[in-house]
């Protein structure tokens, strides 16, 4: 099994990079484990308090569960991955069964900042993009997928997303084996990553 970690700021194009890599790999050989599924359940808090949560802070994630699940997959055991709703800021009662495959891609903004998680990765990637491009993608995504207004998105960006990126996310670039500039638009870097994965898969 090859475990690949793909990190980068909010709106950097991580998901696009992951999708393009999967499209170039043999069918049914990749399992994706998104960090976003492991946000802590906040159903004990009033909705107003839940909506103030800083999703770009390491404390928002249940890291122990993510590390445990990755170890289980590495030991060829399926896991029950949580389902998190950004609309309610809570976990659903249902889970998704994730089965181990030859390639496991762990994707998320904060994953390279966790030593226990990094130690499980065979390849660590940081997807980089200009701040303006990231903000543009965040606005589009949060309006469509999370039901937020432009004003709310910009307010959140200034108060939590930008400072958290500078404090918790950008510094983890130093742990990356490979840095992908221009996010999902960098087809050359994506091709190189795919070739590396395939070569190590054959070993």
C-alpha atoms as a PDB file:
ATOM      1  CA  UNK A   1       0.000   0.000   0.000  1.00  0.00           C
ATOM      2  CA  UNK A   2       1.171   3.510  -0.884  1.00  0.00           C
ATOM      3  CA  UNK A   3      -0.127   6.337   1.333  1.00  0.00           C
ATOM      4  CA  UNK A   4      -0.061   9.795  -0.255  1.00  0.00           C
ATOM      5  CA  UNK A   5      -0.808  12.967   1.692  1.00  0.00           C
ATOM      6  CA  UNK A   6      -2.050  15.973  -0.284  1.00  0.00           C
ATOM      7  CA  UNK A   7      -2.247  19.240   1.655  1.00  0.00           C
ATOM      8  CA  UNK A   8      -2.567  22.942   0.836  1.00  0.00           C
ATOM      9  CA  UNK A   9      -4.590  25.992   1.737  1.00  0.00           C
ATOM     10  CA  UNK A  10      -8.360  26.320   1.500  1.00  0.00           C
ATOM     11  CA  UNK A  11      -9.234  26.777  -2.171  1.00  0.00           C
ATOM     12  CA  UNK A  12      -5.738  25.854  -3.387  1.00  0.00           C
ATOM     13  CA  UNK A  13      -6.977  23.152  -5.752  1.00  0.00           C
ATOM     14  CA  UNK A  14      -6.221  20.036  -3.662  1.00  0.00           C
ATOM     15  CA  UNK A  15      -9.417  18.279  -4.666  1.00  0.00           C
ATOM     16  CA  UNK A  16      -8.744  18.966  -8.349  1.00  0.00           C
ATOM     17  CA  UNK A  17      -5.226  17.551  -8.022  1.00  0.00           C
ATOM     18  CA  UNK A  18      -6.606  14.431  -6.315  1.00  0.00           C
ATOM     19  CA  UNK A  19      -9.285  13.975  -8.982  1.00  0.00           C
ATOM     20  CA  UNK A  20      -6.806  14.371 -11.852  1.00  0.00           C
ATOM     21  CA  UNK A  21      -4.400  11.869 -10.276  1.00  0.00           C
ATOM     22  CA  UNK A  22      -7.206   9.330  -9.793  1.00  0.00           C
ATOM     23  CA  UNK A  23      -8.299   9.789 -13.420  1.00  0.00           C
ATOM     24  CA  UNK A  24      -4.799   8.762 -14.558  1.00  0.00           C
ATOM     25  CA  UNK A  25      -4.542   5.674 -12.336  1.00  0.00           C
ATOM     26  CA  UNK A  26      -5.998   2.185 -12.866  1.00  0.00           C
ATOM     27  CA  UNK A  27      -9.664   1.898 -11.936  1.00  0.00           C
ATOM     28  CA  UNK A  28     -10.553   0.885  -8.357  1.00  0.00           C
ATOM     29  CA  UNK A  29      -7.011   1.108  -6.983  1.00  0.00           C
ATOM     30  CA  UNK A  30      -7.430   4.334  -4.950  1.00  0.00           C
ATOM     31  CA  UNK A  31      -9.137   5.093  -1.644  1.00  0.00           C
ATOM     32  CA  UNK A  32      -9.480   8.757  -0.660  1.00  0.00           C
ATOM     33  CA  UNK A  33      -9.585   9.736   3.017  1.00  0.00           C
ATOM     34  CA  UNK A  34     -10.633  13.398   3.358  1.00  0.00           C
ATOM     35  CA  UNK A  35      -9.629  15.305   6.486  1.00  0.00           C
ATOM     36  CA  UNK A  36     -12.990  17.124   6.264  1.00  0.00           C
ATOM     37  CA  UNK A  37     -14.827  13.957   7.324  1.00  0.00           C
ATOM     38  CA  UNK A  38     -13.046  14.032  10.689  1.00  0.00           C
ATOM     39  CA  UNK A  39     -14.190  17.393  12.046  1.00  0.00           C
ATOM     40  CA  UNK A  40     -15.325  16.970  15.627  1.00  0.00           C
ATOM     41  CA  UNK A  41     -19.029  16.533  16.221  1.00  0.00           C
ATOM     42  CA  UNK A  42     -20.437  19.773  17.627  1.00  0.00           C
ATOM     43  CA  UNK A  43     -24.058  18.748  18.108  1.00  0.00           C
ATOM     44  CA  UNK A  44     -23.786  19.652  21.826  1.00  0.00           C
ATOM     45  CA  UNK A  45     -23.369  23.334  20.905  1.00  0.00           C
ATOM     46  CA  UNK A  46     -26.163  25.745  19.897  1.00  0.00           C
ATOM     47  CA  UNK A  47     -26.314  26.360  16.118  1.00  0.00           C
ATOM     48  CA  UNK A  48     -25.146  29.962  16.572  1.00  0.00           C
ATOM     49  CA  UNK A  49     -21.988  28.747  18.326  1.00  0.00           C
ATOM     50  CA  UNK A  50     -21.408  26.005  15.749  1.00  0.00           C
ATOM     51  CA  UNK A  51     -21.436  28.546  12.936  1.00  0.00           C
ATOM     52  CA  UNK A  52     -18.511  30.373  14.575  1.00  0.00           C
ATOM     53  CA  UNK A  53     -16.211  27.323  14.514  1.00  0.00           C
ATOM     54  CA  UNK A  54     -12.825  27.889  12.899  1.00  0.00           C
ATOM     55  CA  UNK A  55     -12.561  24.951  10.490  1.00  0.00           C
ATOM     56  CA  UNK A  56      -8.996  25.972   9.610  1.00  0.00           C
ATOM     57  CA  UNK A  57      -7.689  25.361  13.147  1.00  0.00           C
ATOM     58  CA  UNK A  58      -6.057  22.016  14.080  1.00  0.00           C
ATOM     59  CA  UNK A  59      -8.234  21.750  17.204  1.00  0.00           C
ATOM     60  CA  UNK A  60     -11.321  21.330  15.020  1.00  0.00           C
ATOM     61  CA  UNK A  61     -10.192  17.871  13.844  1.00  0.00           C
ATOM     62  CA  UNK A  62     -10.398  14.521  15.624  1.00  0.00           C
ATOM     63  CA  UNK A  63      -6.843  13.547  14.679  1.00  0.00           C
ATOM     64  CA  UNK A  64      -6.692  10.394  16.802  1.00  0.00           C
ATOM     65  CA  UNK A  65      -9.574   8.861  14.861  1.00  0.00           C
ATOM     66  CA  UNK A  66      -8.069   9.814  11.498  1.00  0.00           C
ATOM     67  CA  UNK A  67      -4.690   8.307  12.447  1.00  0.00           C
ATOM     68  CA  UNK A  68      -6.403   5.161  13.778  1.00  0.00           C
ATOM     69  CA  UNK A  69      -8.408   4.734  10.574  1.00  0.00           C
ATOM     70  CA  UNK A  70      -5.323   5.173   8.417  1.00  0.00           C
ATOM     71  CA  UNK A  71      -3.469   2.538  10.439  1.00  0.00           C
ATOM     72  CA  UNK A  72      -6.416   0.156  10.069  1.00  0.00           C
ATOM     73  CA  UNK A  73      -6.442   0.654   6.293  1.00  0.00           C
ATOM     74  CA  UNK A  74      -2.690   0.042   6.219  1.00  0.00           C
ATOM     75  CA  UNK A  75      -3.371  -3.246   8.026  1.00  0.00           C
ATOM     76  CA  UNK A  76      -5.848  -4.101   5.273  1.00  0.00           C
ATOM     77  CA  UNK A  77      -8.940  -3.528   7.433  1.00  0.00           C
ATOM     78  CA  UNK A  78     -12.002  -1.498   6.329  1.00  0.00           C
ATOM     79  CA  UNK A  79     -13.074   1.494   8.427  1.00  0.00           C
ATOM     80  CA  UNK A  80     -16.311   3.403   9.025  1.00  0.00           C
ATOM     81  CA  UNK A  81     -15.548   6.963   7.972  1.00  0.00           C
ATOM     82  CA  UNK A  82     -17.668   9.724   9.550  1.00  0.00           C
ATOM     83  CA  UNK A  83     -19.893  11.982   7.445  1.00  0.00           C
ATOM     84  CA  UNK A  84     -19.674  15.660   8.403  1.00  0.00           C
ATOM     85  CA  UNK A  85     -22.196  18.333   7.440  1.00  0.00           C
ATOM     86  CA  UNK A  86     -20.990  21.909   7.033  1.00  0.00           C
ATOM     87  CA  UNK A  87     -24.595  23.090   7.002  1.00  0.00           C
ATOM     88  CA  UNK A  88     -25.303  21.852  10.546  1.00  0.00           C
ATOM     89  CA  UNK A  89     -21.658  21.598  11.738  1.00  0.00           C
ATOM     90  CA  UNK A  90     -22.392  18.117  13.077  1.00  0.00           C
ATOM     91  CA  UNK A  91     -21.666  14.505  12.155  1.00  0.00           C
ATOM     92  CA  UNK A  92     -24.379  12.375  10.636  1.00  0.00           C
ATOM     93  CA  UNK A  93     -25.402   9.187  12.400  1.00  0.00           C
ATOM     94  CA  UNK A  94     -24.526   7.256   9.244  1.00  0.00           C
ATOM     95  CA  UNK A  95     -20.951   6.429   8.240  1.00  0.00           C
ATOM     96  CA  UNK A  96     -19.275   5.366   4.996  1.00  0.00           C
ATOM     97  CA  UNK A  97     -17.415   2.076   4.790  1.00  0.00           C
ATOM     98  CA  UNK A  98     -13.969   2.719   3.326  1.00  0.00           C
ATOM     99  CA  UNK A  99     -12.070  -0.294   2.069  1.00  0.00           C
ATOM    100  CA  UNK A 100      -8.266  -0.555   1.809  1.00  0.00           C
ATOM    101  CA  UNK A 101      -6.793  -0.304  -1.676  1.00  0.00           C
ATOM    102  CA  UNK A 102      -3.304  -0.220  -3.169  1.00  0.00           C
ATOM    103  CA  UNK A 103      -3.227   3.596  -2.967  1.00  0.00           C
ATOM    104  CA  UNK A 104      -4.660   5.649  -0.115  1.00  0.00           C
ATOM    105  CA  UNK A 105      -4.792   9.419  -0.614  1.00  0.00           C
ATOM    106  CA  UNK A 106      -5.237  11.506   2.528  1.00  0.00           C
ATOM    107  CA  UNK A 107      -6.383  15.004   1.585  1.00  0.00           C
ATOM    108  CA  UNK A 108      -6.811  18.093   3.752  1.00  0.00           C
ATOM    109  CA  UNK A 109      -5.533  21.545   4.647  1.00  0.00           C
ATOM    110  CA  UNK A 110      -3.899  20.581   7.955  1.00  0.00           C
ATOM    111  CA  UNK A 111      -2.670  17.015   7.481  1.00  0.00           C
ATOM    112  CA  UNK A 112       1.044  17.801   7.155  1.00  0.00           C
ATOM    113  CA  UNK A 113       1.024  19.546  10.528  1.00  0.00           C
ATOM    114  CA  UNK A 114       0.366  16.284  12.378  1.00  0.00           C
ATOM    115  CA  UNK A 115       3.517  14.246  12.989  1.00  0.00           C
ATOM    116  CA  UNK A 116       1.706  10.940  13.656  1.00  0.00           C
ATOM    117  CA  UNK A 117      -0.129  11.339  10.374  1.00  0.00           C
ATOM    118  CA  UNK A 118       2.960  12.420   8.419  1.00  0.00           C
ATOM    119  CA  UNK A 119       4.842   9.356   9.623  1.00  0.00           C
ATOM    120  CA  UNK A 120       2.277   7.118   7.923  1.00  0.00           C
ATOM    121  CA  UNK A 121       2.713   8.830   4.530  1.00  0.00           C
ATOM    122  CA  UNK A 122       5.008   7.527   1.801  1.00  0.00           C
ATOM    123  CA  UNK A 123       4.667  10.746  -0.226  1.00  0.00           C
ATOM    124  CA  UNK A 124       3.791  14.210   1.079  1.00  0.00           C
ATOM    125  CA  UNK A 125       2.464  16.834  -1.356  1.00  0.00           C
ATOM    126  CA  UNK A 126       1.643  20.506  -0.782  1.00  0.00           C
ATOM    127  CA  UNK A 127      -0.596  22.214  -3.333  1.00  0.00           C
ATOM    128  CA  UNK A 128       0.170  25.925  -3.568  1.00  0.00           C
ATOM    129  CA  UNK A 129      -1.890  28.735  -5.136  1.00  0.00           C
ATOM    130  CA  UNK A 130      -2.006  32.532  -5.036  1.00  0.00           C
ATOM    131  CA  UNK A 131      -4.093  34.000  -2.213  1.00  0.00           C
ATOM    132  CA  UNK A 132      -6.411  35.764  -4.704  1.00  0.00           C
ATOM    133  CA  UNK A 133      -7.096  32.509  -6.540  1.00  0.00           C
ATOM    134  CA  UNK A 134      -7.784  30.690  -3.277  1.00  0.00           C
ATOM    135  CA  UNK A 135     -10.191  33.403  -2.110  1.00  0.00           C
ATOM    136  CA  UNK A 136     -12.070  33.291  -5.420  1.00  0.00           C
ATOM    137  CA  UNK A 137     -12.544  29.521  -5.103  1.00  0.00           C
ATOM    138  CA  UNK A 138     -13.568  29.789  -1.440  1.00  0.00           C
ATOM    139  CA  UNK A 139     -16.268  32.354  -2.322  1.00  0.00           C
ATOM    140  CA  UNK A 140     -17.684  30.171  -5.102  1.00  0.00           C
ATOM    141  CA  UNK A 141     -17.594  26.982  -3.012  1.00  0.00           C
ATOM    142  CA  UNK A 142     -19.055  28.404   0.198  1.00  0.00           C
ATOM    143  CA  UNK A 143     -21.950  30.093  -1.608  1.00  0.00           C
ATOM    144  CA  UNK A 144     -22.901  27.003  -3.622  1.00  0.00           C
ATOM    145  CA  UNK A 145     -22.056  24.155  -1.200  1.00  0.00           C
ATOM    146  CA  UNK A 146     -22.417  25.748   2.226  1.00  0.00           C
ATOM    147  CA  UNK A 147     -25.202  28.265   1.734  1.00  0.00           C
ATOM    148  CA  UNK A 148     -23.194  31.327   2.819  1.00  0.00           C
ATOM    149  CA  UNK A 149     -23.496  34.878   1.515  1.00  0.00           C
ATOM    150  CA  UNK A 150     -20.579  36.731  -0.087  1.00  0.00           C
ATOM    151  CA  UNK A 151     -20.405  39.035   2.951  1.00  0.00           C
ATOM    152  CA  UNK A 152     -20.298  36.067   5.342  1.00  0.00           C
ATOM    153  CA  UNK A 153     -17.584  34.340   3.298  1.00  0.00           C
ATOM    154  CA  UNK A 154     -15.391  37.459   3.172  1.00  0.00           C
ATOM    155  CA  UNK A 155     -15.874  38.080   6.895  1.00  0.00           C
ATOM    156  CA  UNK A 156     -14.883  34.488   7.692  1.00  0.00           C
ATOM    157  CA  UNK A 157     -11.913  34.714   5.350  1.00  0.00           C
ATOM    158  CA  UNK A 158     -10.501  37.793   7.101  1.00  0.00           C
ATOM    159  CA  UNK A 159     -11.177  36.551  10.640  1.00  0.00           C
ATOM    160  CA  UNK A 160     -10.247  32.867  10.435  1.00  0.00           C
ATOM    161  CA  UNK A 161      -9.211  31.514   7.018  1.00  0.00           C
ATOM    162  CA  UNK A 162      -6.389  33.948   6.235  1.00  0.00           C
ATOM    163  CA  UNK A 163      -4.808  34.055   9.722  1.00  0.00           C
ATOM    164  CA  UNK A 164      -5.106  30.275  10.118  1.00  0.00           C
ATOM    165  CA  UNK A 165      -3.487  29.746   6.727  1.00  0.00           C
ATOM    166  CA  UNK A 166      -0.508  31.867   7.742  1.00  0.00           C
ATOM    167  CA  UNK A 167      -0.222  30.256  11.185  1.00  0.00           C
ATOM    168  CA  UNK A 168      -1.091  26.589  10.659  1.00  0.00           C
ATOM    169  CA  UNK A 169      -1.123  25.668   6.971  1.00  0.00           C
ATOM    170  CA  UNK A 170       1.563  27.513   5.006  1.00  0.00           C
ATOM    171  CA  UNK A 171       4.335  26.576   7.509  1.00  0.00           C
ATOM    172  CA  UNK A 172       3.653  22.859   6.867  1.00  0.00           C
ATOM    173  CA  UNK A 173       4.922  23.274   3.310  1.00  0.00           C
ATOM    174  CA  UNK A 174       8.388  22.510   4.687  1.00  0.00           C
ATOM    175  CA  UNK A 175       7.335  18.927   5.363  1.00  0.00           C
ATOM    176  CA  UNK A 176       6.330  18.295   1.742  1.00  0.00           C
ATOM    177  CA  UNK A 177       8.349  16.066  -0.567  1.00  0.00           C
ATOM    178  CA  UNK A 178       6.738  17.783  -3.554  1.00  0.00           C
ATOM    179  CA  UNK A 179       5.204  21.260  -3.937  1.00  0.00           C
ATOM    180  CA  UNK A 180       2.641  21.771  -6.713  1.00  0.00           C
ATOM    181  CA  UNK A 181       2.330  25.440  -7.691  1.00  0.00           C
ATOM    182  CA  UNK A 182      -0.796  26.697  -9.527  1.00  0.00           C
ATOM    183  CA  UNK A 183      -2.947  24.033  -7.921  1.00  0.00           C
ATOM    184  CA  UNK A 184      -5.014  21.802 -10.169  1.00  0.00           C
ATOM    185  CA  UNK A 185      -3.915  23.705 -13.293  1.00  0.00           C
ATOM    186  CA  UNK A 186      -0.371  22.309 -13.104  1.00  0.00           C
ATOM    187  CA  UNK A 187      -0.763  19.289 -15.362  1.00  0.00           C
ATOM    188  CA  UNK A 188       3.008  18.735 -15.622  1.00  0.00           C
ATOM    189  CA  UNK A 189       3.344  18.318 -11.850  1.00  0.00           C
ATOM    190  CA  UNK A 190       0.260  16.102 -11.734  1.00  0.00           C
ATOM    191  CA  UNK A 191       1.698  13.877 -14.481  1.00  0.00           C
ATOM    192  CA  UNK A 192       4.981  13.569 -12.571  1.00  0.00           C
ATOM    193  CA  UNK A 193       3.159  12.688  -9.352  1.00  0.00           C
ATOM    194  CA  UNK A 194       1.085  10.077 -11.156  1.00  0.00           C
ATOM    195  CA  UNK A 195       4.189   8.474 -12.695  1.00  0.00           C
ATOM    196  CA  UNK A 196       5.889   8.383  -9.281  1.00  0.00           C
ATOM    197  CA  UNK A 197       2.850   6.707  -7.730  1.00  0.00           C
ATOM    198  CA  UNK A 198       2.660   4.122 -10.506  1.00  0.00           C
ATOM    199  CA  UNK A 199       6.383   3.340 -10.293  1.00  0.00           C
ATOM    200  CA  UNK A 200       6.180   2.802  -6.532  1.00  0.00           C
ATOM    201  CA  UNK A 201       3.023   0.779  -6.894  1.00  0.00           C
ATOM    202  CA  UNK A 202       4.829  -1.764  -9.051  1.00  0.00           C
ATOM    203  CA  UNK A 203       7.684  -2.230  -6.535  1.00  0.00           C
END
